[in-house]
Amino acid sequence: MKMVKAIISRGRIDEITKALSPLGISGMTLCDVKCPSDDKVMYRGVQTHSYRSMIKAEIAVDDDKVDALVSFLSSDDIDPDVSIDKICVLDIKDSISIRTGEKCDKSS
């Protein structure tokens, strides 16, 4: 099992969520994040970076779906203006459902 993390533009969340269903992916965790932009602003006489509001999506998927998910997230069909800045794929050694106690050990 893998954890795919992606930084996504706010305006594309609904579009991405709907497109994940045909891939057999039913859920993800979303967090508000601030990412540095290329714009520089003056603050009290000091030049500093401005930050843009983005969403970090975390999606746990089976190993056989990772390539399809990464391919979809990195395609130009989502946004030609590059709404996704980074995609990270991490191994999940173990996961445990707190509510049910179900343990899912799918390390590969």
C-alpha atoms as a PDB file:
ATOM      1  CA  MET A   1       0.000   0.000   0.000  1.00  0.00           C
ATOM      2  CA  LYS A   2       1.217   3.514  -0.814  1.00  0.00           C
ATOM      3  CA  MET A   3       0.434   7.057   0.328  1.00  0.00           C
ATOM      4  CA  VAL A   4       0.294   9.562  -2.518  1.00  0.00           C
ATOM      5  CA  LYS A   5       0.583  13.194  -1.474  1.00  0.00           C
ATOM      6  CA  ALA A   6      -0.044  16.079  -3.846  1.00  0.00           C
ATOM      7  CA  ILE A   7      -0.211  19.863  -3.511  1.00  0.00           C
ATOM      8  CA  ILE A   8      -3.268  20.986  -5.479  1.00  0.00           C
ATOM      9  CA  SER A   9      -4.791  24.329  -6.442  1.00  0.00           C
ATOM     10  CA  ARG A  10      -7.980  25.061  -4.516  1.00  0.00           C
ATOM     11  CA  GLY A  11     -10.124  25.415  -7.631  1.00  0.00           C
ATOM     12  CA  ARG A  12      -9.374  21.886  -8.856  1.00  0.00           C
ATOM     13  CA  ILE A  13     -10.403  19.812  -5.828  1.00  0.00           C
ATOM     14  CA  ASP A  14     -13.943  18.998  -7.036  1.00  0.00           C
ATOM     15  CA  GLU A  15     -12.698  18.085 -10.515  1.00  0.00           C
ATOM     16  CA  ILE A  16      -9.983  15.805  -9.116  1.00  0.00           C
ATOM     17  CA  THR A  17     -12.317  14.180  -6.574  1.00  0.00           C
ATOM     18  CA  LYS A  18     -14.826  13.265  -9.303  1.00  0.00           C
ATOM     19  CA  ALA A  19     -12.107  11.891 -11.573  1.00  0.00           C
ATOM     20  CA  LEU A  20     -10.745   9.552  -8.870  1.00  0.00           C
ATOM     21  CA  SER A  21     -13.929   7.483  -8.743  1.00  0.00           C
ATOM     22  CA  PRO A  22     -13.348   5.686 -12.085  1.00  0.00           C
ATOM     23  CA  LEU A  23      -9.876   4.769 -10.804  1.00  0.00           C
ATOM     24  CA  GLY A  24     -11.520   2.960  -7.882  1.00  0.00           C
ATOM     25  CA  ILE A  25     -10.337   5.536  -5.327  1.00  0.00           C
ATOM     26  CA  SER A  26     -13.083   6.600  -2.977  1.00  0.00           C
ATOM     27  CA  GLY A  27     -11.473   8.929  -0.474  1.00  0.00           C
ATOM     28  CA  MET A  28      -8.665  11.251   0.441  1.00  0.00           C
ATOM     29  CA  THR A  29      -7.618  13.556   3.240  1.00  0.00           C
ATOM     30  CA  LEU A  30      -7.401  17.266   2.450  1.00  0.00           C
ATOM     31  CA  CYS A  31      -5.465  19.930   4.390  1.00  0.00           C
ATOM     32  CA  ASP A  32      -5.108  23.671   3.842  1.00  0.00           C
ATOM     33  CA  VAL A  33      -1.482  24.654   3.234  1.00  0.00           C
ATOM     34  CA  LYS A  34       0.415  27.798   2.256  1.00  0.00           C
ATOM     35  CA  CYS A  35       3.024  27.506  -0.480  1.00  0.00           C
ATOM     36  CA  PRO A  36       5.547  30.164  -1.459  1.00  0.00           C
ATOM     37  CA  SER A  37       4.752  31.880  -4.729  1.00  0.00           C
ATOM     38  CA  ASP A  38       7.187  33.462  -7.151  1.00  0.00           C
ATOM     39  CA  ASP A  39       5.834  36.880  -6.202  1.00  0.00           C
ATOM     40  CA  LYS A  40       7.907  38.978  -3.850  1.00  0.00           C
ATOM     41  CA  VAL A  41       6.311  41.587  -1.603  1.00  0.00           C
ATOM     42  CA  MET A  42       7.710  44.356   0.553  1.00  0.00           C
ATOM     43  CA  TYR A  43       6.953  44.051   4.257  1.00  0.00           C
ATOM     44  CA  ARG A  44       8.303  46.796   6.532  1.00  0.00           C
ATOM     45  CA  GLY A  45      11.011  47.607   4.038  1.00  0.00           C
ATOM     46  CA  VAL A  46      12.145  44.008   3.591  1.00  0.00           C
ATOM     47  CA  GLN A  47      11.512  42.023   0.447  1.00  0.00           C
ATOM     48  CA  THR A  48       9.864  38.693   1.258  1.00  0.00           C
ATOM     49  CA  HIS A  49       7.930  35.934  -0.500  1.00  0.00           C
ATOM     50  CA  SER A  50       4.189  35.903  -0.672  1.00  0.00           C
ATOM     51  CA  TYR A  51       2.289  32.685  -0.081  1.00  0.00           C
ATOM     52  CA  ARG A  52      -0.610  31.177  -1.982  1.00  0.00           C
ATOM     53  CA  SER A  53      -3.314  29.066  -0.449  1.00  0.00           C
ATOM     54  CA  MET A  54      -3.254  25.470  -1.705  1.00  0.00           C
ATOM     55  CA  ILE A  55      -4.625  22.069  -0.669  1.00  0.00           C
ATOM     56  CA  LYS A  56      -2.531  19.051   0.279  1.00  0.00           C
ATOM     57  CA  ALA A  57      -4.263  15.815  -0.694  1.00  0.00           C
ATOM     58  CA  GLU A  58      -3.218  12.520   0.884  1.00  0.00           C
ATOM     59  CA  ILE A  59      -4.541   9.398  -0.822  1.00  0.00           C
ATOM     60  CA  ALA A  60      -3.863   5.854   0.418  1.00  0.00           C
ATOM     61  CA  VAL A  61      -4.007   3.406  -2.499  1.00  0.00           C
ATOM     62  CA  ASP A  62      -3.100  -0.170  -3.309  1.00  0.00           C
ATOM     63  CA  ASP A  63       0.195  -0.658  -5.128  1.00  0.00           C
ATOM     64  CA  ASP A  64      -1.513  -1.559  -8.398  1.00  0.00           C
ATOM     65  CA  LYS A  65      -3.338   1.813  -8.544  1.00  0.00           C
ATOM     66  CA  VAL A  66      -0.357   4.080  -7.856  1.00  0.00           C
ATOM     67  CA  ASP A  67       0.793   4.429 -11.464  1.00  0.00           C
ATOM     68  CA  ALA A  68      -2.705   5.293 -12.701  1.00  0.00           C
ATOM     69  CA  LEU A  69      -3.172   7.842  -9.915  1.00  0.00           C
ATOM     70  CA  VAL A  70       0.193   9.544 -10.465  1.00  0.00           C
ATOM     71  CA  SER A  71      -0.359   9.545 -14.220  1.00  0.00           C
ATOM     72  CA  PHE A  72      -3.761  11.177 -13.757  1.00  0.00           C
ATOM     73  CA  LEU A  73      -2.493  13.781 -11.275  1.00  0.00           C
ATOM     74  CA  SER A  74       0.439  14.729 -13.507  1.00  0.00           C
ATOM     75  CA  SER A  75      -1.579  14.957 -16.741  1.00  0.00           C
ATOM     76  CA  ASP A  76      -2.304  18.248 -18.480  1.00  0.00           C
ATOM     77  CA  ASP A  77      -6.014  17.383 -18.485  1.00  0.00           C
ATOM     78  CA  ILE A  78      -6.321  18.666 -14.941  1.00  0.00           C
ATOM     79  CA  ASP A  79      -4.931  22.138 -15.525  1.00  0.00           C
ATOM     80  CA  PRO A  80      -2.521  23.392 -18.150  1.00  0.00           C
ATOM     81  CA  ASP A  81      -1.421  26.076 -15.653  1.00  0.00           C
ATOM     82  CA  VAL A  82       0.099  23.377 -13.417  1.00  0.00           C
ATOM     83  CA  SER A  83      -2.329  23.189 -10.533  1.00  0.00           C
ATOM     84  CA  ILE A  84      -0.302  20.364  -8.964  1.00  0.00           C
ATOM     85  CA  ASP A  85       3.164  21.355  -7.851  1.00  0.00           C
ATOM     86  CA  LYS A  86       4.528  18.163  -6.267  1.00  0.00           C
ATOM     87  CA  ILE A  87       3.515  14.503  -6.059  1.00  0.00           C
ATOM     88  CA  CYS A  88       5.156  12.249  -3.460  1.00  0.00           C
ATOM     89  CA  VAL A  89       4.675   8.487  -3.172  1.00  0.00           C
ATOM     90  CA  LEU A  90       5.475   6.870   0.184  1.00  0.00           C
ATOM     91  CA  ASP A  91       5.299   3.285   1.416  1.00  0.00           C
ATOM     92  CA  ILE A  92       2.728   2.446   4.089  1.00  0.00           C
ATOM     93  CA  LYS A  93       4.030  -0.320   6.270  1.00  0.00           C
ATOM     94  CA  ASP A  94       0.884  -0.786   8.325  1.00  0.00           C
ATOM     95  CA  SER A  95      -2.467   0.867   8.988  1.00  0.00           C
ATOM     96  CA  ILE A  96      -4.995   0.317  11.762  1.00  0.00           C
ATOM     97  CA  SER A  97      -8.592   1.509  11.850  1.00  0.00           C
ATOM     98  CA  ILE A  98      -9.137   3.064  15.274  1.00  0.00           C
ATOM     99  CA  ARG A  99     -12.924   2.661  15.087  1.00  0.00           C
ATOM    100  CA  THR A 100     -13.016  -1.014  14.071  1.00  0.00           C
ATOM    101  CA  GLY A 101      -9.573  -2.207  15.144  1.00  0.00           C
ATOM    102  CA  GLU A 102      -9.059  -3.681  11.663  1.00  0.00           C
ATOM    103  CA  LYS A 103      -5.385  -3.983  10.786  1.00  0.00           C
ATOM    104  CA  CYS A 104      -4.291  -3.691   7.157  1.00  0.00           C
ATOM    105  CA  ASP A 105      -0.724  -4.895   6.707  1.00  0.00           C
ATOM    106  CA  LYS A 106      -0.037  -4.587   2.981  1.00  0.00           C
ATOM    107  CA  SER A 107       3.656  -3.854   2.953  1.00  0.00           C
ATOM    108  CA  SER A 108       5.423  -4.782  -0.256  1.00  0.00           C
END
